[in-house]
Amino acid sequence: MSLSVADLDISAPDPEGRRRRRLQLGDEAAAYIRELIMSGQLSTGDFIRPDFVAAALGSSATPVREALVMLRGEGFIEQAPHRGFRVASLSGADIRDLFASQALLAGELAARSVQRCTDAQVVEIIQVQAKLELALARDDLAGLEVLNHEFHRLINLGARSPRMAWLLKLATTYVPRRFFAMIAGWAQASAEDHVRVVESFQKRAPQEARQEMSEHFIHAGELLAAHHDTRHIQQQDVSDNGSNETLAVWP
């Protein structure tokens, strides 16, 4: 039997494509672990088992290990010789500092957006906020999280300052989107704080927009820091009593 060129598989291997997919999985694993730490589900000193994270994400352990190396570089975790990776020290004060930095960028973007976005963009922001408030009334926390992200995305786009928006995006990688519903008051803050931001857009008041958006981020940081501190106290009490039930998922 003779074969023509069309019958042969002469496609070149795609190592770069496989590398991109692996990096994407690594980024996802890093985001998952980062959110576990920021939401207080993993505390200072807890060891992180790659196989548990891989099982939770439905991936292999390889991208999880790559994620752990990435998070070590960010200062979220540290490597204990012969024992693996454990969560580095993180306090409520650290979280407040992170959000104070985000507030400066977010406030400036909001002020610019008020001045630069079109009337149609303002209407779109108002509409997203209306849907967000409806989602809160329905206790649809998953929908509220998506709309919260869209609300801020529209404002940042309206600022027409892509480099600054990129910096804010980097800073907000520390915000635990996946565990949004766990943080007391967070959902309400996303809806209620936005009302004053929207009013500043309706009035086209840039200084007011800067202040309201900055205060919104500070408020969010305070809620997360308080949640983190409470979780730390509870887990310390459990540890003092000789039990690790709250950490059973991370043995």
Protein backbone atom coordinates (compact mmCIF):
# COMPACT_ATOMS: atom_id res chain seq x y z
CA MET A 1 0.00 0.00 0.00
CA SER A 2 1.38 3.40 -0.97
CA LEU A 3 0.84 6.54 1.09
CA SER A 4 0.45 10.06 -0.17
CA VAL A 5 1.60 13.16 1.71
CA ALA A 6 -2.01 13.74 2.70
CA ASP A 7 -2.06 10.39 4.50
CA LEU A 8 0.91 11.24 6.70
CA ASP A 9 0.79 13.07 10.03
CA ILE A 10 3.57 15.56 9.49
CA SER A 11 2.31 18.17 11.96
CA ALA A 12 5.07 19.56 14.09
CA PRO A 13 4.95 19.10 17.87
CA ASP A 14 3.70 22.08 19.79
CA PRO A 15 5.84 22.33 22.93
CA GLU A 16 5.13 26.05 23.23
CA GLY A 17 1.38 25.39 23.24
CA ARG A 18 1.77 22.79 25.95
CA ARG A 19 3.91 25.21 27.94
CA ARG A 20 1.25 27.93 27.68
CA ARG A 21 -1.45 25.54 28.89
CA ARG A 22 0.75 24.46 31.81
CA LEU A 23 1.44 28.07 32.74
CA GLN A 24 -2.29 28.82 32.67
CA LEU A 25 -2.91 25.90 35.03
CA GLY A 26 -0.09 27.17 37.23
CA ASP A 27 -1.67 30.63 37.36
CA GLU A 28 -5.03 29.09 38.28
CA ALA A 29 -3.45 27.03 41.06
CA ALA A 30 -1.58 30.08 42.34
CA ALA A 31 -4.81 32.11 42.40
CA TYR A 32 -6.59 29.32 44.27
CA ILE A 33 -3.90 29.01 46.94
CA ARG A 34 -3.55 32.79 47.22
CA GLU A 35 -7.29 33.09 47.84
CA LEU A 36 -7.19 30.33 50.47
CA ILE A 37 -4.51 32.31 52.29
CA MET A 38 -6.13 35.73 51.92
CA SER A 39 -9.53 34.45 53.03
CA GLY A 40 -7.97 32.88 56.13
CA GLN A 41 -8.69 29.26 55.24
CA LEU A 42 -4.96 28.65 55.30
CA SER A 43 -3.07 30.27 58.16
CA THR A 44 0.54 31.12 58.94
CA GLY A 45 2.56 27.91 59.26
CA ASP A 46 0.05 25.63 57.54
CA PHE A 47 1.68 23.22 55.10
CA ILE A 48 0.25 23.02 51.59
CA ARG A 49 -0.01 19.60 49.97
CA PRO A 50 0.23 19.81 46.18
CA ASP A 51 -1.88 16.66 45.72
CA PHE A 52 -4.77 18.20 47.67
CA VAL A 53 -4.69 21.37 45.59
CA ALA A 54 -4.43 19.34 42.38
CA ALA A 55 -7.46 17.27 43.39
CA ALA A 56 -9.47 20.40 44.20
CA LEU A 57 -8.67 21.89 40.78
CA GLY A 58 -8.80 18.65 38.79
CA SER A 59 -5.24 19.05 37.55
CA SER A 60 -1.93 17.25 37.92
CA ALA A 61 0.53 18.13 40.66
CA THR A 62 3.04 19.69 38.25
CA PRO A 63 1.32 23.08 37.75
CA VAL A 64 0.59 23.19 41.48
CA ARG A 65 4.29 22.83 42.26
CA GLU A 66 5.02 25.61 39.77
CA ALA A 67 2.37 27.73 41.50
CA LEU A 68 4.03 27.14 44.88
CA VAL A 69 7.35 28.38 43.51
CA MET A 70 5.55 31.46 42.12
CA LEU A 71 3.88 32.16 45.48
CA ARG A 72 7.18 31.79 47.29
CA GLY A 73 8.53 34.56 45.08
CA GLU A 74 5.54 36.72 46.03
CA GLY A 75 6.18 36.12 49.73
CA PHE A 76 2.93 34.23 50.36
CA ILE A 77 4.63 30.96 51.26
CA GLU A 78 8.04 29.74 52.37
CA GLN A 79 9.85 26.47 51.90
CA ALA A 80 10.72 24.39 54.94
CA PRO A 81 13.72 22.08 54.30
CA HIS A 82 12.62 18.46 53.79
CA ARG A 83 9.01 19.33 54.71
CA GLY A 84 7.56 21.27 51.79
CA PHE A 85 5.85 24.62 51.47
CA ARG A 86 4.05 26.38 54.29
CA VAL A 87 2.12 29.65 54.55
CA ALA A 88 4.27 32.65 55.41
CA SER A 89 3.27 35.19 58.02
CA LEU A 90 0.31 37.36 57.01
CA SER A 91 -1.49 39.73 59.38
CA GLY A 92 -4.55 41.91 59.22
CA ALA A 93 -2.18 44.90 59.10
CA ASP A 94 -0.55 43.44 55.97
CA ILE A 95 -3.96 43.16 54.30
CA ARG A 96 -4.86 46.74 55.23
CA ASP A 97 -1.59 47.91 53.67
CA LEU A 98 -2.34 46.03 50.44
CA PHE A 99 -5.78 47.59 50.14
CA ALA A 100 -4.52 51.06 51.01
CA SER A 101 -2.19 50.77 48.00
CA GLN A 102 -5.03 49.56 45.80
CA ALA A 103 -7.22 52.42 46.98
CA LEU A 104 -4.79 55.01 45.62
CA LEU A 105 -4.82 53.47 42.14
CA ALA A 106 -8.55 52.75 42.09
CA GLY A 107 -9.39 56.27 43.27
CA GLU A 108 -7.28 57.87 40.56
CA LEU A 109 -8.80 55.64 37.89
CA ALA A 110 -12.31 56.54 39.05
CA ALA A 111 -11.51 60.27 38.94
CA ARG A 112 -10.17 59.96 35.39
CA SER A 113 -13.08 57.81 34.33
CA VAL A 114 -15.61 60.43 35.47
CA GLN A 115 -13.88 62.95 33.24
CA ARG A 116 -13.24 60.74 30.21
CA CYS A 117 -15.99 58.17 29.85
CA THR A 118 -18.95 58.79 27.55
CA ASP A 119 -22.55 59.23 28.62
CA ALA A 120 -23.25 55.75 27.22
CA GLN A 121 -20.53 54.29 29.45
CA VAL A 122 -22.01 56.01 32.49
CA VAL A 123 -25.40 54.49 31.65
CA GLU A 124 -23.78 51.05 31.37
CA ILE A 125 -22.14 51.47 34.80
CA ILE A 126 -25.51 52.45 36.29
CA GLN A 127 -27.19 49.43 34.70
CA VAL A 128 -24.57 47.02 36.05
CA GLN A 129 -24.99 48.51 39.51
CA ALA A 130 -28.78 48.01 39.30
CA LYS A 131 -28.26 44.35 38.41
CA LEU A 132 -25.74 44.01 41.24
CA GLU A 133 -28.23 45.34 43.79
CA LEU A 134 -30.85 42.93 42.45
CA ALA A 135 -28.42 40.02 42.79
CA LEU A 136 -27.79 41.02 46.42
CA ALA A 137 -31.54 41.17 47.10
CA ARG A 138 -31.85 37.64 45.68
CA ASP A 139 -28.85 36.44 47.70
CA ASP A 140 -27.17 35.50 44.41
CA LEU A 141 -23.61 35.87 45.63
CA ALA A 142 -22.05 34.23 42.58
CA GLY A 143 -23.89 36.63 40.29
CA LEU A 144 -23.02 39.55 42.54
CA GLU A 145 -19.32 38.71 42.35
CA VAL A 146 -19.42 38.67 38.54
CA LEU A 147 -21.27 41.99 38.44
CA ASN A 148 -18.90 43.52 40.97
CA HIS A 149 -15.99 42.63 38.72
CA GLU A 150 -17.82 44.09 35.71
CA PHE A 151 -18.62 47.32 37.59
CA HIS A 152 -14.96 47.99 38.35
CA ARG A 153 -13.85 46.86 34.88
CA LEU A 154 -16.13 49.40 33.19
CA ILE A 155 -14.88 52.23 35.39
CA ASN A 156 -11.25 51.31 34.78
CA LEU A 157 -11.82 51.10 31.03
CA GLY A 158 -13.46 54.52 31.08
CA ALA A 159 -10.32 56.03 32.59
CA ARG A 160 -8.39 55.29 29.39
CA SER A 161 -5.24 54.72 31.43
CA PRO A 162 -4.25 51.14 30.54
CA ARG A 163 -0.92 51.13 32.36
CA MET A 164 -2.47 52.28 35.61
CA ALA A 165 -5.33 49.80 35.19
CA TRP A 166 -2.74 47.07 34.66
CA LEU A 167 -1.02 48.00 37.92
CA LEU A 168 -4.34 47.84 39.75
CA LYS A 169 -5.05 44.44 38.21
CA LEU A 170 -1.75 43.17 39.58
CA ALA A 171 -2.53 44.57 43.01
CA THR A 172 -6.02 43.04 43.10
CA THR A 173 -4.72 39.51 42.52
CA TYR A 174 -4.75 39.40 46.32
CA VAL A 175 -8.53 39.83 46.48
CA PRO A 176 -10.21 36.45 47.19
CA ARG A 177 -12.86 36.37 44.46
CA ARG A 178 -13.45 32.61 44.73
CA PHE A 179 -14.35 32.79 48.43
CA PHE A 180 -16.30 36.04 48.15
CA ALA A 181 -19.29 34.85 50.21
CA MET A 182 -17.20 33.87 53.24
CA ILE A 183 -16.31 37.42 54.25
CA ALA A 184 -18.94 39.07 56.45
CA GLY A 185 -20.23 42.32 55.00
CA TRP A 186 -18.27 42.01 51.74
CA ALA A 187 -21.31 41.47 49.50
CA GLN A 188 -23.19 44.36 51.11
CA ALA A 189 -20.17 46.65 50.73
CA SER A 190 -19.96 45.82 47.04
CA ALA A 191 -23.52 47.00 46.56
CA GLU A 192 -23.84 49.86 49.03
CA ASP A 193 -20.44 51.52 48.55
CA HIS A 194 -21.01 51.54 44.80
CA VAL A 195 -24.09 53.71 45.16
CA ARG A 196 -22.00 56.73 46.14
CA VAL A 197 -19.51 56.00 43.37
CA VAL A 198 -22.35 55.95 40.84
CA GLU A 199 -23.68 59.25 42.18
CA SER A 200 -20.27 60.85 41.57
CA PHE A 201 -20.42 59.66 37.96
CA GLN A 202 -23.92 61.03 37.52
CA LYS A 203 -22.69 64.40 38.80
CA ARG A 204 -19.44 64.14 36.82
CA ALA A 205 -17.52 64.94 40.01
CA PRO A 206 -13.97 63.56 39.73
CA GLN A 207 -12.77 64.45 43.23
CA GLU A 208 -15.85 62.87 44.74
CA ALA A 209 -15.33 59.75 42.61
CA ARG A 210 -11.73 59.49 43.80
CA GLN A 211 -12.76 59.76 47.44
CA GLU A 212 -15.70 57.34 47.22
CA MET A 213 -13.75 54.68 45.31
CA SER A 214 -10.76 54.97 47.64
CA GLU A 215 -13.01 54.63 50.68
CA HIS A 216 -14.68 51.61 49.08
CA PHE A 217 -11.33 49.83 48.77
CA ILE A 218 -10.31 50.77 52.30
CA HIS A 219 -13.65 49.43 53.56
CA ALA A 220 -13.18 46.17 51.66
CA GLY A 221 -9.68 45.81 53.06
CA GLU A 222 -10.92 46.38 56.59
CA LEU A 223 -13.58 43.68 56.17
CA LEU A 224 -11.06 41.19 54.83
CA ALA A 225 -8.49 42.04 57.51
CA ALA A 226 -11.09 41.62 60.26
CA HIS A 227 -12.15 38.29 58.76
CA HIS A 228 -8.53 37.17 58.58
CA ASP A 229 -7.82 38.18 62.18
CA THR A 230 -10.95 36.40 63.43
CA ARG A 231 -10.01 33.20 61.59
CA HIS A 232 -6.50 33.39 63.06
CA ILE A 233 -7.85 33.71 66.61
CA GLN A 234 -10.27 30.82 66.10
CA GLN A 235 -7.57 28.56 64.67
CA GLN A 236 -5.18 29.52 67.45
CA ASP A 237 -7.82 28.52 70.01
CA VAL A 238 -8.27 25.18 68.25
CA SER A 239 -4.50 24.65 68.20
CA ASP A 240 -4.22 25.49 71.90
CA ASN A 241 -6.90 22.87 72.64
CA GLY A 242 -4.88 20.21 70.85
CA SER A 243 -7.25 19.82 67.89
CA ASN A 244 -6.81 20.57 64.20
CA GLU A 245 -10.38 19.95 63.01
CA THR A 246 -10.64 23.28 61.23
CA LEU A 247 -7.60 22.33 59.14
CA ALA A 248 -8.78 18.79 58.37
CA VAL A 249 -8.90 19.50 54.65
CA TRP A 250 -5.19 20.37 54.78
CA PRO A 251 -3.70 17.57 56.92
